[in-house]
PDB file of N, CA and C in Angstrom:
ATOM      1  N   MET A   1       9.202 -17.810  14.900  1.00  0.00           N
ATOM      2  CA  MET A   1       8.745 -18.963  14.161  1.00  0.00           C
ATOM      3  C   MET A   1       7.753 -18.526  13.096  1.00  0.00           C
ATOM      4  N   GLY A   2       7.702 -19.273  12.018  1.00  0.00           N
ATOM      5  CA  GLY A   2       6.749 -18.972  10.966  1.00  0.00           C
ATOM      6  C   GLY A   2       5.362 -19.509  11.282  1.00  0.00           C
ATOM      7  N   ASP A   3       4.380 -19.026  10.530  1.00  0.00           N
ATOM      8  CA  ASP A   3       3.006 -19.442  10.759  1.00  0.00           C
ATOM      9  C   ASP A   3       2.820 -20.945  10.560  1.00  0.00           C
ATOM     10  N   ILE A   4       3.466 -21.510   9.547  1.00  0.00           N
ATOM     11  CA  ILE A   4       3.309 -22.940   9.262  1.00  0.00           C
ATOM     12  C   ILE A   4       3.856 -23.771  10.424  1.00  0.00           C
ATOM     13  N   SER A   5       5.003 -23.403  10.946  1.00  0.00           N
ATOM     14  CA  SER A   5       5.572 -24.182  12.052  1.00  0.00           C
ATOM     15  C   SER A   5       4.694 -24.085  13.301  1.00  0.00           C
ATOM     16  N   LEU A   6       4.058 -22.936  13.528  1.00  0.00           N
ATOM     17  CA  LEU A   6       3.128 -22.823  14.662  1.00  0.00           C
ATOM     18  C   LEU A   6       1.922 -23.736  14.463  1.00  0.00           C
ATOM     19  N   MET A   7       1.384 -23.763  13.240  1.00  0.00           N
ATOM     20  CA  MET A   7       0.227 -24.608  12.973  1.00  0.00           C
ATOM     21  C   MET A   7       0.566 -26.085  13.132  1.00  0.00           C
ATOM     22  N   LEU A   8       1.794 -26.466  12.761  1.00  0.00           N
ATOM     23  CA  LEU A   8       2.204 -27.857  12.921  1.00  0.00           C
ATOM     24  C   LEU A   8       2.354 -28.238  14.398  1.00  0.00           C
ATOM     25  N   GLN A   9       2.528 -27.246  15.262  1.00  0.00           N
ATOM     26  CA  GLN A   9       2.621 -27.492  16.702  1.00  0.00           C
ATOM     27  C   GLN A   9       1.260 -27.448  17.388  1.00  0.00           C
ATOM     28  N   GLY A  10       0.189 -27.266  16.610  1.00  0.00           N
ATOM     29  CA  GLY A  10      -1.165 -27.277  17.173  1.00  0.00           C
ATOM     30  C   GLY A  10      -1.790 -25.914  17.377  1.00  0.00           C
ATOM     31  N   TYR A  11      -1.080 -24.857  17.014  1.00  0.00           N
ATOM     32  CA  TYR A  11      -1.658 -23.521  17.158  1.00  0.00           C
ATOM     33  C   TYR A  11      -2.763 -23.327  16.125  1.00  0.00           C
ATOM     34  N   GLN A  12      -3.799 -22.579  16.507  1.00  0.00           N
ATOM     35  CA  GLN A  12      -4.923 -22.281  15.638  1.00  0.00           C
ATOM     36  C   GLN A  12      -5.086 -20.780  15.524  1.00  0.00           C
ATOM     37  N   LEU A  13      -5.594 -20.342  14.390  1.00  0.00           N
ATOM     38  CA  LEU A  13      -5.894 -18.925  14.245  1.00  0.00           C
ATOM     39  C   LEU A  13      -7.062 -18.616  15.176  1.00  0.00           C
ATOM     40  N   THR A  14      -6.845 -17.706  16.111  1.00  0.00           N
ATOM     41  CA  THR A  14      -7.833 -17.378  17.133  1.00  0.00           C
ATOM     42  C   THR A  14      -8.214 -15.915  17.010  1.00  0.00           C
ATOM     43  N   THR A  15      -9.505 -15.667  17.024  1.00  0.00           N
ATOM     44  CA  THR A  15     -10.029 -14.305  16.979  1.00  0.00           C
ATOM     45  C   THR A  15     -10.854 -14.069  18.235  1.00  0.00           C
ATOM     46  N   ALA A  16     -10.629 -12.941  18.870  1.00  0.00           N
ATOM     47  CA  ALA A  16     -11.395 -12.574  20.065  1.00  0.00           C
ATOM     48  C   ALA A  16     -11.966 -11.179  19.876  1.00  0.00           C
ATOM     49  N   GLU A  17     -13.244 -11.040  20.170  1.00  0.00           N
ATOM     50  CA  GLU A  17     -13.866  -9.719  20.188  1.00  0.00           C
ATOM     51  C   GLU A  17     -13.966  -9.295  21.643  1.00  0.00           C
ATOM     52  N   ILE A  18     -13.290  -8.219  21.966  1.00  0.00           N
ATOM     53  CA  ILE A  18     -13.284  -7.702  23.333  1.00  0.00           C
ATOM     54  C   ILE A  18     -14.202  -6.482  23.368  1.00  0.00           C
ATOM     55  N   VAL A  19     -15.253  -6.571  24.140  1.00  0.00           N
ATOM     56  CA  VAL A  19     -16.169  -5.446  24.321  1.00  0.00           C
ATOM     57  C   VAL A  19     -15.800  -4.798  25.649  1.00  0.00           C
ATOM     58  N   TYR A  20     -15.570  -3.480  25.610  1.00  0.00           N
ATOM     59  CA  TYR A  20     -15.094  -2.788  26.809  1.00  0.00           C
ATOM     60  C   TYR A  20     -15.791  -1.444  26.967  1.00  0.00           C
ATOM     61  N   HIS A  21     -15.749  -0.932  28.189  1.00  0.00           N
ATOM     62  CA  HIS A  21     -16.321   0.376  28.503  1.00  0.00           C
ATOM     63  C   HIS A  21     -15.319   1.462  28.128  1.00  0.00           C
ATOM     64  N   LEU A  22     -15.794   2.517  27.486  1.00  0.00           N
ATOM     65  CA  LEU A  22     -14.914   3.646  27.191  1.00  0.00           C
ATOM     66  C   LEU A  22     -14.506   4.322  28.499  1.00  0.00           C
ATOM     67  N   PRO A  23     -13.222   4.650  28.667  1.00  0.00           N
ATOM     68  CA  PRO A  23     -12.772   5.245  29.935  1.00  0.00           C
ATOM     69  C   PRO A  23     -13.475   6.560  30.281  1.00  0.00           C
ATOM     70  N   ASP A  24     -13.682   7.442  29.296  1.00  0.00           N
ATOM     71  CA  ASP A  24     -14.305   8.738  29.572  1.00  0.00           C
ATOM     72  C   ASP A  24     -15.824   8.674  29.667  1.00  0.00           C
ATOM     73  N   TYR A  25     -16.425   7.680  29.020  1.00  0.00           N
ATOM     74  CA  TYR A  25     -17.878   7.504  29.009  1.00  0.00           C
ATOM     75  C   TYR A  25     -18.194   6.046  29.337  1.00  0.00           C
ATOM     76  N   PRO A  26     -18.142   5.639  30.595  1.00  0.00           N
ATOM     77  CA  PRO A  26     -18.273   4.230  30.958  1.00  0.00           C
ATOM     78  C   PRO A  26     -19.608   3.595  30.575  1.00  0.00           C
ATOM     79  N   GLU A  27     -20.628   4.413  30.287  1.00  0.00           N
ATOM     80  CA  GLU A  27     -21.918   3.833  29.892  1.00  0.00           C
ATOM     81  C   GLU A  27     -21.911   3.391  28.418  1.00  0.00           C
ATOM     82  N   LEU A  28     -20.888   3.804  27.652  1.00  0.00           N
ATOM     83  CA  LEU A  28     -20.767   3.396  26.253  1.00  0.00           C
ATOM     84  C   LEU A  28     -19.801   2.221  26.112  1.00  0.00           C
ATOM     85  N   LEU A  29     -20.139   1.315  25.193  1.00  0.00           N
ATOM     86  CA  LEU A  29     -19.290   0.158  24.931  1.00  0.00           C
ATOM     87  C   LEU A  29     -18.607   0.296  23.573  1.00  0.00           C
ATOM     88  N   GLN A  30     -17.401  -0.207  23.508  1.00  0.00           N
ATOM     89  CA  GLN A  30     -16.596  -0.198  22.276  1.00  0.00           C
ATOM     90  C   GLN A  30     -16.141  -1.635  22.036  1.00  0.00           C
ATOM     91  N   SER A  31     -15.900  -1.975  20.779  1.00  0.00           N
ATOM     92  CA  SER A  31     -15.469  -3.321  20.424  1.00  0.00           C
ATOM     93  C   SER A  31     -14.045  -3.274  19.867  1.00  0.00           C
ATOM     94  N   TYR A  32     -13.221  -4.257  20.264  1.00  0.00           N
ATOM     95  CA  TYR A  32     -11.849  -4.382  19.782  1.00  0.00           C
ATOM     96  C   TYR A  32     -11.669  -5.821  19.304  1.00  0.00           C
ATOM     97  N   ILE A  33     -11.131  -5.996  18.096  1.00  0.00           N
ATOM     98  CA  ILE A  33     -10.884  -7.327  17.540  1.00  0.00           C
ATOM     99  C   ILE A  33      -9.403  -7.653  17.682  1.00  0.00           C
ATOM    100  N   TRP A  34      -9.113  -8.792  18.304  1.00  0.00           N
ATOM    101  CA  TRP A  34      -7.748  -9.287  18.496  1.00  0.00           C
ATOM    102  C   TRP A  34      -7.627 -10.599  17.733  1.00  0.00           C
ATOM    103  N   GLN A  35      -6.504 -10.794  17.030  1.00  0.00           N
ATOM    104  CA  GLN A  35      -6.299 -12.032  16.276  1.00  0.00           C
ATOM    105  C   GLN A  35      -4.836 -12.438  16.329  1.00  0.00           C
ATOM    106  N   ASP A  36      -4.602 -13.729  16.621  1.00  0.00           N
ATOM    107  CA  ASP A  36      -3.246 -14.272  16.687  1.00  0.00           C
ATOM    108  C   ASP A  36      -3.346 -15.791  16.670  1.00  0.00           C
ATOM    109  N   TYR A  37      -2.211 -16.465  16.580  1.00  0.00           N
ATOM    110  CA  TYR A  37      -2.187 -17.913  16.682  1.00  0.00           C
ATOM    111  C   TYR A  37      -2.094 -18.296  18.154  1.00  0.00           C
ATOM    112  N   ASP A  38      -2.934 -19.263  18.565  1.00  0.00           N
ATOM    113  CA  ASP A  38      -2.989 -19.638  19.974  1.00  0.00           C
ATOM    114  C   ASP A  38      -3.347 -21.116  20.097  1.00  0.00           C
ATOM    115  N   LEU A  39      -3.128 -21.664  21.285  1.00  0.00           N
ATOM    116  CA  LEU A  39      -3.419 -23.065  21.566  1.00  0.00           C
ATOM    117  C   LEU A  39      -4.770 -23.193  22.266  1.00  0.00           C
ATOM    118  N   ALA A  40      -5.729 -23.819  21.588  1.00  0.00           N
ATOM    119  CA  ALA A  40      -7.039 -24.067  22.208  1.00  0.00           C
ATOM    120  C   ALA A  40      -6.925 -25.324  23.056  1.00  0.00           C
ATOM    121  N   PRO A  41      -7.618 -25.478  24.119  1.00  0.00           N
ATOM    122  CA  PRO A  41      -8.661 -24.621  24.689  1.00  0.00           C
ATOM    123  C   PRO A  41      -8.168 -23.697  25.801  1.00  0.00           C
ATOM    124  N   LYS A  42      -6.862 -23.711  26.126  1.00  0.00           N
ATOM    125  CA  LYS A  42      -6.374 -22.882  27.238  1.00  0.00           C
ATOM    126  C   LYS A  42      -6.040 -21.453  26.819  1.00  0.00           C
ATOM    127  N   TYR A  43      -5.725 -21.225  25.557  1.00  0.00           N
ATOM    128  CA  TYR A  43      -5.447 -19.894  25.001  1.00  0.00           C
ATOM    129  C   TYR A  43      -4.426 -19.088  25.807  1.00  0.00           C
ATOM    130  N   PRO A  44      -3.184 -19.563  25.939  1.00  0.00           N
ATOM    131  CA  PRO A  44      -2.194 -18.832  26.738  1.00  0.00           C
ATOM    132  C   PRO A  44      -1.814 -17.472  26.152  1.00  0.00           C
ATOM    133  N   VAL A  45      -1.782 -17.339  24.836  1.00  0.00           N
ATOM    134  CA  VAL A  45      -1.413 -16.057  24.215  1.00  0.00           C
ATOM    135  C   VAL A  45      -2.514 -15.026  24.470  1.00  0.00           C
ATOM    136  N   LEU A  46      -3.758 -15.429  24.310  1.00  0.00           N
ATOM    137  CA  LEU A  46      -4.883 -14.522  24.574  1.00  0.00           C
ATOM    138  C   LEU A  46      -4.931 -14.137  26.045  1.00  0.00           C
ATOM    139  N   LYS A  47      -4.716 -15.098  26.946  1.00  0.00           N
ATOM    140  CA  LYS A  47      -4.721 -14.785  28.385  1.00  0.00           C
ATOM    141  C   LYS A  47      -3.632 -13.781  28.736  1.00  0.00           C
ATOM    142  N   LYS A  48      -2.477 -13.903  28.098  1.00  0.00           N
ATOM    143  CA  LYS A  48      -1.393 -12.941  28.334  1.00  0.00           C
ATOM    144  C   LYS A  48      -1.817 -11.543  27.880  1.00  0.00           C
ATOM    145  N   PHE A  49      -2.475 -11.462  26.709  1.00  0.00           N
ATOM    146  CA  PHE A  49      -2.941 -10.167  26.219  1.00  0.00           C
ATOM    147  C   PHE A  49      -4.021  -9.590  27.132  1.00  0.00           C
ATOM    148  N   LEU A  50      -4.959 -10.422  27.591  1.00  0.00           N
ATOM    149  CA  LEU A  50      -6.020  -9.929  28.467  1.00  0.00           C
ATOM    150  C   LEU A  50      -5.460  -9.461  29.810  1.00  0.00           C
ATOM    151  N   HIS A  51      -4.425 -10.142  30.303  1.00  0.00           N
ATOM    152  CA  HIS A  51      -3.768  -9.692  31.528  1.00  0.00           C
ATOM    153  C   HIS A  51      -3.106  -8.327  31.309  1.00  0.00           C
ATOM    154  N   PHE A  52      -2.453  -8.149  30.158  1.00  0.00           N
ATOM    155  CA  PHE A  52      -1.871  -6.839  29.821  1.00  0.00           C
ATOM    156  C   PHE A  52      -2.956  -5.773  29.776  1.00  0.00           C
ATOM    157  N   TRP A  53      -4.099  -6.107  29.159  1.00  0.00           N
ATOM    158  CA  TRP A  53      -5.204  -5.153  29.047  1.00  0.00           C
ATOM    159  C   TRP A  53      -5.655  -4.708  30.440  1.00  0.00           C
ATOM    160  N   GLU A  54      -5.897  -5.669  31.326  1.00  0.00           N
ATOM    161  CA  GLU A  54      -6.391  -5.342  32.665  1.00  0.00           C
ATOM    162  C   GLU A  54      -5.391  -4.536  33.484  1.00  0.00           C
ATOM    163  N   SER A  55      -4.093  -4.790  33.291  1.00  0.00           N
ATOM    164  CA  SER A  55      -3.096  -4.100  34.118  1.00  0.00           C
ATOM    165  C   SER A  55      -2.628  -2.775  33.527  1.00  0.00           C
ATOM    166  N   SER A  56      -2.774  -2.580  32.211  1.00  0.00           N
ATOM    167  CA  SER A  56      -2.183  -1.399  31.583  1.00  0.00           C
ATOM    168  C   SER A  56      -3.171  -0.428  30.945  1.00  0.00           C
ATOM    169  N   LEU A  57      -4.348  -0.889  30.566  1.00  0.00           N
ATOM    170  CA  LEU A  57      -5.298  -0.025  29.856  1.00  0.00           C
ATOM    171  C   LEU A  57      -6.439   0.388  30.776  1.00  0.00           C
ATOM    172  N   GLU A  58      -7.036   1.546  30.471  1.00  0.00           N
ATOM    173  CA  GLU A  58      -8.068   2.093  31.347  1.00  0.00           C
ATOM    174  C   GLU A  58      -9.452   1.526  31.080  1.00  0.00           C
ATOM    175  N   GLY A  59      -9.752   1.101  29.863  1.00  0.00           N
ATOM    176  CA  GLY A  59     -11.091   0.613  29.533  1.00  0.00           C
ATOM    177  C   GLY A  59     -11.382  -0.728  30.184  1.00  0.00           C
ATOM    178  N   LYS A  60     -12.374  -0.757  31.072  1.00  0.00           N
ATOM    179  CA  LYS A  60     -12.734  -1.994  31.767  1.00  0.00           C
ATOM    180  C   LYS A  60     -13.459  -2.932  30.794  1.00  0.00           C
ATOM    181  N   MET A  61     -13.030  -4.196  30.766  1.00  0.00           N
ATOM    182  CA  MET A  61     -13.637  -5.168  29.868  1.00  0.00           C
ATOM    183  C   MET A  61     -15.059  -5.503  30.304  1.00  0.00           C
ATOM    184  N   HIS A  62     -15.929  -5.624  29.311  1.00  0.00           N
ATOM    185  CA  HIS A  62     -17.309  -6.034  29.542  1.00  0.00           C
ATOM    186  C   HIS A  62     -17.476  -7.517  29.229  1.00  0.00           C
ATOM    187  N   SER A  63     -16.975  -7.943  28.059  1.00  0.00           N
ATOM    188  CA  SER A  63     -17.081  -9.350  27.662  1.00  0.00           C
ATOM    189  C   SER A  63     -16.031  -9.677  26.611  1.00  0.00           C
ATOM    190  N   VAL A  64     -15.737 -10.969  26.481  1.00  0.00           N
ATOM    191  CA  VAL A  64     -14.780 -11.458  25.482  1.00  0.00           C
ATOM    192  C   VAL A  64     -15.408 -12.669  24.796  1.00  0.00           C
ATOM    193  N   MET A  65     -15.502 -12.607  23.467  1.00  0.00           N
ATOM    194  CA  MET A  65     -16.018 -13.724  22.679  1.00  0.00           C
ATOM    195  C   MET A  65     -14.876 -14.292  21.852  1.00  0.00           C
ATOM    196  N   ILE A  66     -14.686 -15.608  21.910  1.00  0.00           N
ATOM    197  CA  ILE A  66     -13.539 -16.262  21.274  1.00  0.00           C
ATOM    198  C   ILE A  66     -14.012 -17.207  20.188  1.00  0.00           C
ATOM    199  N   SER A  67     -13.270 -17.194  19.072  1.00  0.00           N
ATOM    200  CA  SER A  67     -13.511 -18.132  17.984  1.00  0.00           C
ATOM    201  C   SER A  67     -12.152 -18.595  17.472  1.00  0.00           C
ATOM    202  N   SER A  68     -12.011 -19.904  17.223  1.00  0.00           N
ATOM    203  CA  SER A  68     -10.746 -20.397  16.689  1.00  0.00           C
ATOM    204  C   SER A  68     -11.014 -21.503  15.682  1.00  0.00           C
ATOM    205  N   LYS A  69     -10.105 -21.617  14.739  1.00  0.00           N
ATOM    206  CA  LYS A  69     -10.249 -22.590  13.666  1.00  0.00           C
ATOM    207  C   LYS A  69      -8.878 -23.065  13.255  1.00  0.00           C
ATOM    208  N   PRO A  70      -8.652 -24.393  13.251  1.00  0.00           N
ATOM    209  CA  PRO A  70      -7.367 -24.888  12.731  1.00  0.00           C
ATOM    210  C   PRO A  70      -7.313 -24.687  11.227  1.00  0.00           C
ATOM    211  N   LEU A  71      -6.252 -24.069  10.740  1.00  0.00           N
ATOM    212  CA  LEU A  71      -6.106 -23.828   9.312  1.00  0.00           C
ATOM    213  C   LEU A  71      -5.385 -24.964   8.610  1.00  0.00           C
ATOM    214  N   LEU A  72      -4.632 -25.719   9.359  1.00  0.00           N
ATOM    215  CA  LEU A  72      -3.875 -26.830   8.804  1.00  0.00           C
ATOM    216  C   LEU A  72      -4.351 -28.092   9.496  1.00  0.00           C
ATOM    217  N   SER A  73      -4.872 -29.033   8.707  1.00  0.00           N
ATOM    218  CA  SER A  73      -5.382 -30.268   9.288  1.00  0.00           C
ATOM    219  C   SER A  73      -4.960 -31.440   8.419  1.00  0.00           C
ATOM    220  N   PRO A  74      -5.038 -32.640   8.956  1.00  0.00           N
ATOM    221  CA  PRO A  74      -4.652 -33.798   8.158  1.00  0.00           C
ATOM    222  C   PRO A  74      -5.490 -33.905   6.886  1.00  0.00           C
ATOM    223  N   ALA A  75      -4.863 -34.388   5.844  1.00  0.00           N
ATOM    224  CA  ALA A  75      -5.562 -34.529   4.569  1.00  0.00           C
ATOM    225  C   ALA A  75      -6.655 -35.579   4.677  1.00  0.00           C
ATOM    226  N   GLU A  76      -7.727 -35.330   3.984  1.00  0.00           N
ATOM    227  CA  GLU A  76      -8.814 -36.300   3.955  1.00  0.00           C
ATOM    228  C   GLU A  76      -8.670 -37.127   2.681  1.00  0.00           C
ATOM    229  N   CYS A  77      -8.708 -38.428   2.828  1.00  0.00           N
ATOM    230  CA  CYS A  77      -8.563 -39.324   1.687  1.00  0.00           C
ATOM    231  C   CYS A  77      -9.866 -40.055   1.447  1.00  0.00           C
ATOM    232  N   ALA A  78     -10.214 -40.181   0.203  1.00  0.00           N
ATOM    233  CA  ALA A  78     -11.394 -40.953  -0.170  1.00  0.00           C
ATOM    234  C   ALA A  78     -10.951 -42.005  -1.186  1.00  0.00           C
ATOM    235  N   TYR A  79     -11.319 -43.227  -0.947  1.00  0.00           N
ATOM    236  CA  TYR A  79     -10.959 -44.321  -1.839  1.00  0.00           C
ATOM    237  C   TYR A  79     -12.184 -44.735  -2.640  1.00  0.00           C
ATOM    238  N   PHE A  80     -11.971 -44.977  -3.926  1.00  0.00           N
ATOM    239  CA  PHE A  80     -13.057 -45.370  -4.803  1.00  0.00           C
ATOM    240  C   PHE A  80     -12.894 -46.820  -5.207  1.00  0.00           C
ATOM    241  N   ALA A  81     -14.000 -47.475  -5.458  1.00  0.00           N
ATOM    242  CA  ALA A  81     -13.978 -48.899  -5.779  1.00  0.00           C
ATOM    243  C   ALA A  81     -13.857 -49.167  -7.287  1.00  0.00           C
ATOM    244  N   SER A  82     -13.500 -48.185  -8.059  1.00  0.00           N
ATOM    245  CA  SER A  82     -13.379 -48.412  -9.500  1.00  0.00           C
ATOM    246  C   SER A  82     -11.997 -47.962  -9.992  1.00  0.00           C
ATOM    247  N   GLU A  83     -11.654 -48.468 -11.147  1.00  0.00           N
ATOM    248  CA  GLU A  83     -10.369 -48.127 -11.762  1.00  0.00           C
ATOM    249  C   GLU A  83     -10.612 -47.799 -13.217  1.00  0.00           C
ATOM    250  N   TRP A  84     -10.022 -46.737 -13.682  1.00  0.00           N
ATOM    251  CA  TRP A  84     -10.192 -46.322 -15.075  1.00  0.00           C
ATOM    252  C   TRP A  84      -8.848 -46.441 -15.775  1.00  0.00           C
ATOM    253  N   LYS A  85      -8.865 -46.959 -16.957  1.00  0.00           N
ATOM    254  CA  LYS A  85      -7.633 -47.074 -17.738  1.00  0.00           C
ATOM    255  C   LYS A  85      -7.727 -46.143 -18.936  1.00  0.00           C
ATOM    256  N   ILE A  86      -6.646 -45.428 -19.137  1.00  0.00           N
ATOM    257  CA  ILE A  86      -6.550 -44.535 -20.301  1.00  0.00           C
ATOM    258  C   ILE A  86      -5.491 -45.108 -21.220  1.00  0.00           C
ATOM    259  N   HIS A  87      -5.771 -45.146 -22.503  1.00  0.00           N
ATOM    260  CA  HIS A  87      -4.887 -45.766 -23.497  1.00  0.00           C
ATOM    261  C   HIS A  87      -3.451 -45.502 -23.211  1.00  0.00           C
TER     262      HIS A  87
END
């Protein structure tokens, strides 16, 4: 599906910063930025990725910060009480 059709279904551009421990040096933290279209507030696409991370990658997650913003929203209309005529 295209990005526009996902947005029309309620998907929002979601960004997650995943802070994780380096496998070889667990006392050091590294940051990974993940971005995709997802459905707020349950975030099924992000949860699927985090499950993959926990089951397949060695770096143990420390924290996950999520931000999302709808890029496509209903138009805002403003009505004015005046009318202008041009010749």
